[in-house]
Amino acid sequence: MRVGWWMAALLAPMNAWAAEAPVMLGTNPSECQIARALLGSAPPGCPPALVVAPATPAGPVAPPPAPVPPPVVVAPAAPTPAPTTVVERKAAFLINFDFGSARIRPESQAVLDRVAAVMADSGAETVRFRIVGHTDDVGSDAGNLELSRRRAAAVKDYLVRVRRIAAARLDAIGMGKREPIDSANPRAPENRRVEIVALQVNG
C-alpha cells in the first residue's frame, strides 16, 4: 500500500510563502515545466510557455485624454539603498511514499531526478532550498510531526546521495499537520506533501 504526497517547490519570501497556493504540475511534469516553476524560466531547447491573452471587453470608445499640465520640477531626493527582495514561486508534484513510511516509491524517483537536474543548473547554483514535510490530520500530533520530518529528510537524502546536490544547499524540517493546503478537508491528499522552499535573495 502506498500514499501519495504532494511535494511543493517554492521560490518565496519567508514571511509570505505559506499563504501562496502551489501550481499543480501533476504526476509527470517535464524538466522544462519544473524549471519554469522553480526558476521562472526554462533552459534553451524548451518549448515556449503557453500564454493566453486576456479578452478585450466590448464597450464605448474612451474620450481623448485631458491636456496634461506642465510638470513641476522637484529637487531629487537623496538616493536610498535598494530593498532586499525575494522572488516567490511555488509548484507541486505528486510524490509517493510507502504507507506510514519515509521510503520513496520507485515511480516517484524520476520526478525527483528532474527536480535535481533543475537544482543543478547554472541558473540555480546560488539558490538554497529548505525541504518542509507536511501530513494530513490522521494520527497523533507527535506521530505526524515525526513522519513529516522523516519524509523531508528522505527527500534531502535522495537529492544529496543519489543526485549529488550539495548538502549545504539543503535543509530539511517537518511541520506535521499544522499547515494544511486544504483546511476544509484535513485528510485530503494535498495535505500530505513535502514543500521545497527555494530562497534567492536579491538586493
Protein backbone atom coordinates (compact mmCIF):
# COMPACT_ATOMS: atom_id res chain seq x y z
CA MET A 1 0.00 0.00 0.00
CA ARG A 2 1.29 3.46 -0.73
CA VAL A 3 0.42 7.05 -0.01
CA GLY A 4 0.60 9.98 -2.43
CA TRP A 5 2.31 13.06 -1.00
CA TRP A 6 2.32 16.48 -2.62
CA MET A 7 5.82 17.91 -2.92
CA ALA A 8 5.74 21.67 -3.43
CA ALA A 9 8.69 23.58 -4.76
CA LEU A 10 8.77 27.26 -3.94
CA LEU A 11 10.82 30.39 -4.51
CA ALA A 12 9.42 32.74 -1.88
CA PRO A 13 9.90 35.33 0.85
CA MET A 14 9.99 33.83 4.32
CA ASN A 15 7.02 35.90 5.54
CA ALA A 16 4.70 35.15 2.62
CA TRP A 17 5.34 31.70 1.18
CA ALA A 18 2.87 29.76 3.33
CA ALA A 19 -0.11 31.79 2.11
CA GLU A 20 0.51 31.07 -1.60
CA ALA A 21 -1.16 28.09 -3.27
CA PRO A 22 1.20 25.95 -5.36
CA VAL A 23 0.90 25.46 -9.10
CA MET A 24 -0.03 21.79 -9.53
CA LEU A 25 2.12 20.20 -12.25
CA GLY A 26 0.69 16.69 -11.87
CA THR A 27 2.41 13.33 -11.62
CA ASN A 28 4.80 13.53 -14.58
CA PRO A 29 5.99 17.10 -15.26
CA SER A 30 8.82 17.72 -17.68
CA GLU A 31 12.13 19.27 -16.70
CA CYS A 32 11.09 22.38 -18.66
CA GLN A 33 7.90 22.74 -16.60
CA ILE A 34 9.82 22.28 -13.35
CA ALA A 35 12.43 24.86 -14.38
CA ARG A 36 9.75 27.43 -15.16
CA ALA A 37 8.05 26.76 -11.82
CA LEU A 38 11.24 26.94 -9.72
CA LEU A 39 13.37 29.48 -11.58
CA GLY A 40 10.87 31.47 -13.64
CA SER A 41 12.43 30.47 -16.96
CA ALA A 42 13.27 27.32 -18.88
CA PRO A 43 16.64 26.35 -20.40
CA PRO A 44 17.29 26.61 -24.17
CA GLY A 45 15.51 23.97 -26.19
CA CYS A 46 12.31 24.03 -24.15
CA PRO A 47 9.07 24.86 -25.96
CA PRO A 48 7.64 28.30 -25.21
CA ALA A 49 5.18 28.54 -22.36
CA LEU A 50 1.54 28.81 -23.39
CA VAL A 51 0.29 32.33 -22.69
CA VAL A 52 -3.40 33.12 -23.09
CA ALA A 53 -4.08 36.80 -23.79
CA PRO A 54 -6.99 38.26 -21.81
CA ALA A 55 -10.10 39.09 -23.82
CA THR A 56 -10.73 42.78 -24.53
CA PRO A 57 -14.17 43.76 -23.18
CA ALA A 58 -16.51 45.47 -25.64
CA GLY A 59 -17.59 48.99 -24.72
CA PRO A 60 -17.82 52.59 -25.84
CA VAL A 61 -14.75 54.34 -27.19
CA ALA A 62 -12.99 56.28 -24.45
CA PRO A 63 -12.81 60.06 -24.88
CA PRO A 64 -9.43 61.60 -25.65
CA PRO A 65 -7.30 62.29 -22.58
CA ALA A 66 -7.38 65.73 -20.99
CA PRO A 67 -4.38 68.00 -21.59
CA VAL A 68 -1.51 67.25 -19.25
CA PRO A 69 -0.26 70.25 -17.23
CA PRO A 70 3.44 71.03 -17.40
CA PRO A 71 5.48 69.06 -14.88
CA VAL A 72 6.60 70.62 -11.63
CA VAL A 73 10.35 70.42 -11.19
CA VAL A 74 11.28 68.98 -7.80
CA ALA A 75 14.79 68.59 -6.46
CA PRO A 76 15.79 64.91 -6.47
CA ALA A 77 15.73 63.17 -3.12
CA ALA A 78 18.82 61.57 -1.70
CA PRO A 79 19.23 58.01 -3.02
CA THR A 80 18.17 55.21 -0.69
CA PRO A 81 19.56 51.68 -0.66
CA ALA A 82 17.66 49.19 -2.80
CA PRO A 83 15.41 46.97 -0.65
CA THR A 84 16.21 43.31 -0.26
CA THR A 85 13.61 41.21 -2.06
CA VAL A 86 12.96 37.52 -2.61
CA VAL A 87 11.17 36.26 -5.72
CA GLU A 88 8.22 33.97 -4.96
CA ARG A 89 7.41 30.82 -6.93
CA LYS A 90 5.71 27.55 -5.95
CA ALA A 91 4.91 24.30 -7.73
CA ALA A 92 3.61 20.91 -6.55
CA PHE A 93 4.34 17.36 -7.64
CA LEU A 94 2.78 14.04 -6.58
CA ILE A 95 5.45 12.04 -4.74
CA ASN A 96 4.55 8.55 -3.47
CA PHE A 97 5.83 7.07 -0.19
CA ASP A 98 5.12 3.67 1.32
CA PHE A 99 2.21 3.87 3.75
CA GLY A 100 3.30 5.25 7.13
CA SER A 101 6.89 5.24 5.90
CA ALA A 102 9.58 7.62 4.62
CA ARG A 103 10.57 5.24 1.78
CA ILE A 104 10.16 6.99 -1.58
CA ARG A 105 8.38 4.79 -4.12
CA PRO A 106 10.48 3.96 -7.24
CA GLU A 107 7.98 5.58 -9.63
CA SER A 108 8.45 8.93 -7.88
CA GLN A 109 12.23 8.94 -8.10
CA ALA A 110 12.05 10.10 -11.73
CA VAL A 111 10.27 13.29 -10.62
CA LEU A 112 12.97 13.96 -8.01
CA ASP A 113 15.61 13.30 -10.69
CA ARG A 114 14.14 16.13 -12.78
CA VAL A 115 13.90 18.42 -9.75
CA ALA A 116 17.58 17.70 -9.03
CA ALA A 117 18.53 18.49 -12.63
CA VAL A 118 16.91 21.91 -12.27
CA MET A 119 18.65 22.48 -8.92
CA ALA A 120 22.00 21.61 -10.52
CA ASP A 121 21.52 24.01 -13.43
CA SER A 122 23.84 27.02 -13.55
CA GLY A 123 20.82 29.33 -13.21
CA ALA A 124 20.09 27.88 -9.76
CA GLU A 125 23.61 27.48 -8.36
CA THR A 126 23.16 30.38 -5.89
CA VAL A 127 19.76 29.17 -4.64
CA ARG A 128 19.39 27.45 -1.27
CA PHE A 129 16.49 25.09 -0.58
CA ARG A 130 14.51 24.26 2.54
CA ILE A 131 12.61 20.95 2.39
CA VAL A 132 9.50 21.06 4.59
CA GLY A 133 7.45 17.96 5.37
CA HIS A 134 3.66 18.09 5.99
CA THR A 135 0.99 15.49 6.83
CA ASP A 136 -2.79 15.25 6.98
CA ASP A 137 -4.54 15.01 10.37
CA VAL A 138 -4.75 11.20 10.56
CA GLY A 139 -2.88 10.08 13.67
CA SER A 140 -1.38 11.87 16.63
CA ASP A 141 0.35 15.25 16.57
CA ALA A 142 3.64 13.72 17.67
CA GLY A 143 3.45 10.88 15.16
CA ASN A 144 2.64 13.21 12.27
CA LEU A 145 5.43 15.59 13.22
CA GLU A 146 7.96 12.77 13.28
CA LEU A 147 6.72 11.32 9.96
CA SER A 148 6.88 14.73 8.27
CA ARG A 149 10.47 15.15 9.44
CA ARG A 150 11.46 11.70 8.19
CA ARG A 151 9.90 12.25 4.77
CA ALA A 152 11.56 15.65 4.35
CA ALA A 153 14.86 14.06 5.37
CA ALA A 154 14.30 11.24 2.86
CA VAL A 155 13.87 13.74 0.02
CA LYS A 156 17.03 15.56 1.09
CA ASP A 157 18.94 12.29 1.36
CA TYR A 158 17.88 11.23 -2.13
CA LEU A 159 18.88 14.58 -3.65
CA VAL A 160 22.27 14.51 -1.88
CA ARG A 161 23.19 10.83 -2.02
CA VAL A 162 21.78 9.87 -5.42
CA ARG A 163 21.71 13.14 -7.37
CA ARG A 164 24.79 14.79 -5.79
CA ILE A 165 23.14 18.08 -4.82
CA ALA A 166 25.38 19.79 -2.23
CA ALA A 167 24.06 19.10 1.27
CA ALA A 168 24.99 22.65 2.32
CA ARG A 169 22.28 23.97 -0.03
CA LEU A 170 19.53 21.87 1.56
CA ASP A 171 17.79 21.98 4.95
CA ALA A 172 15.01 19.59 5.99
CA ILE A 173 12.33 20.24 8.63
CA GLY A 174 8.88 18.84 9.49
CA MET A 175 5.66 20.70 10.26
CA GLY A 176 3.35 17.74 10.89
CA LYS A 177 -0.31 18.58 10.25
CA ARG A 178 -0.19 22.26 11.27
CA GLU A 179 -0.29 23.84 7.79
CA PRO A 180 -2.82 22.03 5.55
CA ILE A 181 -3.35 23.25 1.99
CA ASP A 182 -6.98 22.08 2.11
CA SER A 183 -8.14 23.11 5.59
CA ALA A 184 -11.76 22.24 4.74
CA ASN A 185 -10.73 18.60 4.21
CA PRO A 186 -7.93 17.84 6.71
CA ARG A 187 -7.43 14.33 5.28
CA ALA A 188 -7.06 15.48 1.66
CA PRO A 189 -4.04 14.02 -0.19
CA GLU A 190 -2.80 17.54 -0.97
CA ASN A 191 -2.05 17.97 2.74
CA ARG A 192 0.37 15.01 2.68
CA ARG A 193 3.22 16.74 0.95
CA VAL A 194 6.83 17.86 1.01
CA GLU A 195 7.47 21.50 0.13
CA ILE A 196 10.78 22.75 -1.20
CA VAL A 197 11.36 26.41 -0.34
CA ALA A 198 13.98 27.89 -2.67
CA LEU A 199 15.48 31.07 -1.24
CA GLN A 200 17.20 33.53 -3.59
CA VAL A 201 17.79 36.98 -2.10
CA ASN A 202 18.02 39.93 -4.50
CA GLY A 203 19.41 43.28 -3.41
